[in-house]
Protein backbone atom coordinates (compact mmCIF):
# COMPACT_ATOMS: atom_id res chain seq x y z
CA MET A 1 9.07 -50.89 28.07
CA VAL A 2 10.38 -49.20 25.40
CA PRO A 3 8.57 -49.52 22.08
CA GLU A 4 10.37 -50.58 18.98
CA ARG A 5 10.97 -47.92 16.50
CA GLU A 6 9.59 -49.06 12.96
CA PRO A 7 11.89 -49.11 10.37
CA ARG A 8 12.24 -46.09 7.89
CA ASP A 9 12.55 -46.79 4.28
CA GLY A 10 13.13 -43.06 3.06
CA ARG A 11 10.09 -42.49 2.35
CA ASP A 12 9.02 -39.70 4.88
CA ASP A 13 12.58 -37.78 3.78
CA ARG A 14 11.72 -38.02 0.33
CA ASP A 15 8.27 -36.56 0.80
CA SER A 16 9.69 -33.73 3.00
CA VAL A 17 11.95 -32.68 0.42
CA ALA A 18 9.24 -32.69 -2.06
CA SER A 19 7.12 -30.75 0.12
CA GLU A 20 10.17 -28.06 0.35
CA VAL A 21 11.12 -27.86 -2.97
CA ARG A 22 7.68 -27.56 -5.05
CA PHE A 23 9.16 -25.65 -7.87
CA GLY A 24 12.35 -25.94 -9.97
CA LEU A 25 15.14 -23.26 -10.40
CA ARG A 26 13.52 -22.12 -14.17
CA ALA A 27 9.95 -21.92 -12.42
CA ARG A 28 11.19 -19.82 -9.47
CA ILE A 29 13.10 -17.04 -11.77
CA ALA A 30 9.95 -16.94 -14.06
CA LEU A 31 7.58 -16.39 -10.85
CA ALA A 32 9.47 -13.95 -9.56
CA VAL A 33 10.06 -11.87 -12.59
CA ALA A 34 6.07 -12.16 -12.87
CA VAL A 35 5.66 -11.19 -9.32
CA LEU A 36 7.94 -8.11 -9.63
CA SER A 37 6.20 -7.01 -12.72
CA LEU A 38 2.81 -7.56 -11.25
CA LEU A 39 3.97 -5.14 -8.56
CA LEU A 40 5.63 -2.59 -10.85
CA SER A 41 2.79 -2.70 -13.16
CA THR A 42 0.40 -2.56 -10.28
CA ALA A 43 2.01 0.55 -8.82
CA VAL A 44 2.70 2.41 -12.23
CA SER A 45 -1.33 2.00 -13.00
CA LEU A 46 -2.55 3.21 -9.58
CA THR A 47 -0.16 6.24 -9.85
CA VAL A 48 -1.83 6.69 -13.61
CA TYR A 49 -5.17 6.24 -12.65
CA THR A 50 -5.04 8.35 -9.47
CA VAL A 51 -3.19 11.26 -11.29
CA ALA A 52 -5.92 10.99 -14.13
CA ARG A 53 -8.62 11.03 -11.94
CA SER A 54 -7.38 14.05 -10.10
CA VAL A 55 -6.73 15.85 -13.41
CA LEU A 56 -10.15 15.13 -14.23
CA VAL A 57 -11.97 16.12 -11.57
CA ASP A 58 -10.20 19.03 -10.55
CA ALA A 59 -10.42 20.64 -14.22
CA ARG A 60 -14.44 19.68 -14.13
CA GLU A 61 -14.43 21.15 -10.30
CA GLU A 62 -12.54 24.18 -11.79
CA ALA A 63 -14.83 24.65 -14.65
CA ALA A 64 -17.71 24.41 -12.39
CA SER A 65 -16.44 27.02 -10.10
CA GLN A 66 -15.49 29.49 -12.53
CA ARG A 67 -19.15 28.96 -14.30
CA ALA A 68 -21.23 29.13 -11.01
CA ILE A 69 -19.59 32.53 -10.08
CA ALA A 70 -20.27 34.17 -13.69
CA ASN A 71 -23.94 33.04 -13.41
CA ALA A 72 -24.19 34.14 -9.71
CA THR A 73 -23.00 37.53 -11.04
CA ILE A 74 -25.13 37.71 -14.07
CA ILE A 75 -28.11 36.57 -11.19
CA GLY A 76 -27.26 39.35 -9.05
CA ALA A 77 -27.62 42.04 -11.31
CA LEU A 78 -31.05 40.91 -11.90
CA ASP A 79 -34.33 41.63 -9.74
CA LEU A 80 -35.15 38.05 -8.78
CA ALA A 81 -38.60 39.47 -6.99
CA GLN A 82 -39.59 40.40 -10.61
CA THR A 83 -38.06 37.80 -12.67
CA GLU A 84 -39.44 34.27 -13.49
CA PRO A 85 -37.76 31.14 -13.09
CA ARG A 86 -37.80 30.86 -17.12
CA ASP A 87 -36.57 34.19 -17.86
CA LEU A 88 -33.99 33.87 -15.40
CA GLU A 89 -32.59 30.35 -16.96
CA GLY A 90 -32.72 32.21 -20.06
CA GLN A 91 -29.83 34.69 -18.76
CA LEU A 92 -27.57 31.90 -17.99
CA SER A 93 -25.35 31.76 -20.78
CA THR A 94 -22.53 30.03 -19.45
CA LEU A 95 -24.04 26.63 -18.71
CA SER A 96 -22.79 23.63 -20.41
CA GLU A 97 -24.34 20.04 -20.64
CA VAL A 98 -23.15 18.86 -16.90
CA GLY A 99 -23.63 21.84 -15.22
CA LYS A 100 -27.38 22.33 -13.84
CA PRO A 101 -28.21 25.47 -12.15
CA ILE A 102 -30.59 24.24 -9.09
CA VAL A 103 -32.26 26.96 -7.46
CA VAL A 104 -31.72 30.88 -6.56
CA TRP A 105 -32.89 30.68 -2.97
CA ASP A 106 -32.98 33.41 -0.11
CA GLY A 107 -33.65 30.86 2.66
CA GLY A 108 -37.07 31.43 2.89
CA ALA A 109 -40.23 31.66 0.39
CA ASN A 110 -38.64 33.60 -2.20
CA THR A 111 -37.40 30.19 -4.09
CA GLN A 112 -36.28 30.13 -7.95
CA PRO A 113 -36.33 26.31 -8.82
CA LEU A 114 -34.60 26.16 -12.28
CA ASP A 115 -34.11 22.46 -13.26
CA ARG A 116 -36.96 20.10 -12.25
CA ASN A 117 -34.58 17.43 -11.74
CA PHE A 118 -32.87 18.60 -8.94
CA ASP A 119 -33.77 20.43 -5.94
CA VAL A 120 -32.62 22.48 -3.01
CA GLU A 121 -33.33 19.50 -0.52
CA GLN A 122 -30.85 17.40 -2.53
CA LEU A 123 -28.13 19.44 -1.62
CA PRO A 124 -25.78 18.56 1.64
CA ASP A 125 -26.89 20.72 4.93
CA SER A 126 -23.43 22.23 4.99
CA LEU A 127 -23.36 23.47 1.57
CA VAL A 128 -26.61 25.16 1.99
CA ASP A 129 -25.25 26.78 4.82
CA ALA A 130 -22.42 27.88 3.63
CA GLY A 131 -23.95 29.41 0.64
CA LEU A 132 -26.28 31.42 2.61
CA GLY A 133 -24.20 32.32 5.33
CA GLY A 134 -21.03 32.89 3.74
CA GLU A 135 -19.03 35.04 1.42
CA ASP A 136 -17.06 32.90 -0.49
CA PRO A 137 -18.01 30.20 -3.03
CA THR A 138 -17.79 26.98 -1.62
CA ILE A 139 -17.04 23.69 -3.49
CA MET A 140 -18.24 20.34 -2.68
CA ARG A 141 -18.39 16.83 -4.18
CA TYR A 142 -20.76 14.31 -2.90
CA ASP A 143 -22.82 11.49 -4.12
CA SER A 144 -26.35 12.26 -5.53
CA GLY A 145 -28.57 9.05 -6.39
CA GLY A 146 -25.49 7.13 -7.06
CA GLU A 147 -23.89 9.42 -9.24
CA THR A 148 -20.80 11.77 -8.02
CA VAL A 149 -21.63 15.34 -8.69
CA VAL A 150 -19.76 18.49 -8.02
CA ALA A 151 -22.09 21.37 -6.51
CA VAL A 152 -21.45 24.79 -5.87
CA ALA A 153 -22.71 27.50 -3.51
CA VAL A 154 -22.11 31.08 -4.30
CA PRO A 155 -23.55 33.79 -1.98
CA ILE A 156 -25.23 36.55 -3.70
CA PRO A 157 -24.81 39.32 -0.76
CA ASP A 158 -26.89 42.18 -2.67
CA GLN A 159 -29.95 40.21 -2.41
CA ASP A 160 -29.65 37.80 0.72
CA ALA A 161 -29.91 35.39 -1.63
CA ALA A 162 -27.24 32.04 -2.83
CA PHE A 163 -27.11 30.62 -6.44
CA PHE A 164 -26.38 27.01 -6.18
CA GLU A 165 -25.14 24.97 -9.12
CA VAL A 166 -24.78 21.13 -9.59
CA THR A 167 -21.95 19.51 -12.20
CA LEU A 168 -22.23 16.18 -13.17
CA LEU A 169 -19.23 13.92 -12.95
CA GLY A 170 -20.88 10.72 -14.92
CA ASP A 171 -19.30 11.38 -18.22
CA ILE A 172 -15.69 11.19 -15.88
CA GLU A 173 -16.75 8.37 -14.18
CA ASP A 174 -17.14 6.37 -17.41
CA ALA A 175 -13.77 7.50 -18.78
CA LEU A 176 -12.31 6.70 -15.28
CA SER A 177 -13.98 3.50 -15.64
CA SER A 178 -12.29 2.61 -19.24
CA ILE A 179 -9.00 3.84 -17.79
CA ARG A 180 -9.25 1.14 -15.12
CA LEU A 181 -10.15 -1.80 -17.39
CA ALA A 182 -7.23 -0.68 -19.51
CA LEU A 183 -5.08 -0.15 -17.08
CA ALA A 184 -6.24 -3.69 -15.56
CA ALA A 185 -5.67 -4.98 -18.64
CA ALA A 186 -2.23 -3.76 -19.35
CA VAL A 187 -1.43 -5.17 -16.05
CA VAL A 188 -2.20 -9.04 -16.64
CA GLY A 189 -0.88 -8.51 -20.22
CA SER A 190 2.52 -7.14 -18.74
CA THR A 191 2.63 -9.85 -15.46
CA VAL A 192 2.18 -12.88 -18.57
CA ALA A 193 4.54 -11.15 -20.83
CA ALA A 194 7.34 -10.72 -17.75
CA ALA A 195 6.40 -14.65 -16.75
CA ILE A 196 7.03 -15.70 -20.41
CA LEU A 197 10.24 -13.65 -20.44
CA GLY A 198 11.24 -14.87 -17.01
CA TYR A 199 10.91 -18.90 -18.19
CA TRP A 200 12.72 -18.07 -21.54
CA ALA A 201 15.31 -15.96 -19.85
CA SER A 202 15.78 -18.77 -17.14
CA ARG A 203 16.36 -21.37 -19.60
CA VAL A 204 19.32 -19.20 -21.24
CA THR A 205 20.74 -18.60 -17.61
CA ILE A 206 20.93 -21.90 -16.20
CA ARG A 207 22.21 -23.80 -19.62
CA PRO A 208 25.57 -23.90 -18.54
CA LEU A 209 24.29 -25.42 -15.08
CA THR A 210 22.94 -28.10 -17.62
CA ARG A 211 26.13 -28.45 -19.25
CA VAL A 212 27.51 -29.02 -15.85
CA SER A 213 25.52 -31.67 -14.75
CA GLN A 214 25.90 -33.67 -18.17
CA ALA A 215 29.47 -33.50 -17.83
CA ALA A 216 29.28 -34.81 -14.10
CA GLN A 217 27.29 -37.79 -15.35
CA SER A 218 29.71 -38.95 -17.94
CA VAL A 219 32.47 -38.38 -15.25
CA ALA A 220 30.65 -40.31 -13.03
CA ALA A 221 30.23 -42.97 -16.21
CA GLY A 222 33.78 -43.52 -16.55
CA GLN A 223 34.65 -40.82 -18.85
CA LEU A 224 37.35 -38.96 -17.28
CA ASP A 225 38.50 -36.74 -20.20
CA THR A 226 35.10 -34.86 -20.25
CA ARG A 227 35.54 -31.08 -20.36
CA LEU A 228 33.60 -28.19 -20.99
CA ASP A 229 34.11 -25.84 -23.78
CA TYR A 230 35.92 -23.46 -22.64
CA ASN A 231 35.85 -20.92 -25.71
CA GLN A 232 32.33 -20.68 -25.50
CA VAL A 233 32.01 -18.84 -22.47
CA ARG A 234 35.79 -16.90 -22.32
CA HIS A 235 34.18 -13.45 -22.87
CA ASP A 236 31.47 -14.07 -20.04
CA PRO A 237 33.12 -12.64 -16.86
CA ASP A 238 30.76 -14.92 -14.54
CA LEU A 239 30.87 -18.05 -16.48
CA ALA A 240 34.53 -18.35 -17.35
CA PRO A 241 35.91 -18.80 -14.07
CA LEU A 242 33.07 -21.37 -13.36
CA VAL A 243 33.83 -23.38 -16.45
CA GLU A 244 37.40 -22.76 -15.76
CA ASN A 245 37.61 -24.02 -11.84
CA PHE A 246 35.10 -27.13 -13.17
CA ASN A 247 37.57 -28.23 -15.78
CA GLY A 248 40.22 -27.85 -13.42
CA MET A 249 38.76 -29.99 -10.66
CA LEU A 250 38.27 -32.77 -13.53
CA GLN A 251 41.49 -32.55 -14.40
CA ALA A 252 42.75 -33.01 -10.62
CA LEU A 253 40.25 -36.02 -10.32
CA GLN A 254 41.50 -37.45 -13.56
CA THR A 255 44.86 -37.22 -12.22
CA ARG A 256 44.27 -38.45 -8.80
CA ILE A 257 42.26 -41.70 -10.64
CA MET A 258 45.25 -42.44 -12.59
CA ARG A 259 47.84 -41.88 -10.16
CA ASP A 260 45.73 -44.33 -7.63
CA ALA A 261 45.51 -46.59 -10.20
CA ARG A 262 49.32 -46.41 -11.60
CA PHE A 263 49.82 -46.92 -7.31
CA ALA A 264 48.02 -50.24 -7.38
CA SER A 265 49.19 -51.49 -10.66
CA ASP A 266 52.87 -51.06 -9.20
CA VAL A 267 51.78 -52.44 -5.85
CA SER A 268 50.10 -55.45 -7.56
CA HIS A 269 53.74 -55.67 -9.95
CA GLU A 270 56.03 -55.74 -6.72
CA LEU A 271 54.00 -58.30 -4.61
CA ARG A 272 53.68 -60.75 -7.78
CA SER A 273 57.55 -61.64 -7.78
CA PRO A 274 57.68 -62.59 -3.50
CA LEU A 275 54.46 -63.98 -4.03
CA THR A 276 55.09 -66.41 -6.59
CA THR A 277 58.64 -67.29 -4.71
CA LEU A 278 56.20 -67.82 -1.53
CA ASN A 279 54.18 -70.30 -3.31
CA ALA A 280 57.21 -72.42 -4.78
CA GLY A 281 58.45 -72.72 -1.51
CA LEU A 282 54.83 -73.61 0.20
CA GLN A 283 54.41 -75.96 -2.52
CA VAL A 284 57.75 -77.75 -1.58
CA LEU A 285 57.13 -78.02 1.79
CA ASP A 286 53.78 -79.64 1.02
CA ASN A 287 55.38 -82.02 -1.27
CA ASN A 288 57.25 -83.42 2.10
CA ARG A 289 53.91 -83.25 4.26
CA GLU A 290 54.28 -86.89 5.24
CA ASP A 291 57.72 -86.46 6.97
CA MET A 292 56.31 -83.29 9.39
CA PRO A 293 54.73 -83.78 12.56
CA GLU A 294 51.37 -82.99 13.07
CA ARG A 295 51.40 -79.64 14.34
CA ALA A 296 53.65 -78.46 11.30
CA GLN A 297 51.06 -79.92 9.01
CA GLN A 298 48.54 -78.03 10.80
CA ALA A 299 50.64 -74.53 10.43
CA LEU A 300 51.17 -75.52 6.52
CA ASP A 301 47.68 -75.58 6.02
CA LEU A 302 46.73 -72.45 7.49
CA LEU A 303 49.90 -70.86 5.68
CA GLU A 304 48.45 -72.21 2.31
CA GLN A 305 45.09 -70.40 2.92
CA ASP A 306 46.52 -67.17 3.87
CA LEU A 307 48.86 -67.60 1.02
CA ASP A 308 46.17 -68.06 -1.19
CA ARG A 309 43.81 -65.31 0.00
CA PHE A 310 47.22 -62.65 0.06
CA THR A 311 47.42 -64.14 -3.89
CA GLN A 312 43.90 -63.27 -4.64
CA LEU A 313 44.55 -59.71 -3.00
């Protein structure tokens, strides 16, 4: 047996339509503008942050490299074996608050630590090898104790040693953190502003559609002379054709309905006279019913029923 299908009351159709259309046109326009603003502002913010970080860090690395080379030149002119670390540090006149000299090291026992907070053991092995075995200065950025630093290794060939200097990037990281917060706030603010602007713009955009809907409701209620004001949009190249075509459609609809009504009135008028004649003749026949055979009386009854129904129509 084939199971009987349960009658549908249209609820499933309404649920499916509601699941498909969750937002109105105005909300979708505002959402689209907000998403576009979010993407653009995020891209601009990332670009600004990347450029700012690159400029600040590159400038700090360039300054650190020049300072380390200058200090290495000063140290290269001294006799490291006869110079105490305190006296050696006093010779470094180009240090800054973020530049920390670590050590002058020849790879052996002749080690001159210049800052107790830093030690050569904290340096990457590859940087130490480049300083002791290379000929050109080497710069490297790495993480030391949770803070990003820039270390420069400058070989001192005349004394078979190397000068290592670390530059702190904590102030730059703080500045970049402030920039990130400012850019994030700008992204959020621009997105909210774009959503509000999009919602307002959508109201202005769909206002003509609202007027069209109201006019359609008026026509459905029987006000066939309803028209949109063409003068309000005559200078708009997009809305003017819409209003003109809509008014033309209403005019054609009104003409068609009036023509149909006039046709029905004319048909009714033309049929009224012969129906009156038929009813009069039928009344004469009905007065002589007793003189007619039984079958003729039955035919007369059928004729009366059909003529009454035709008269009602």
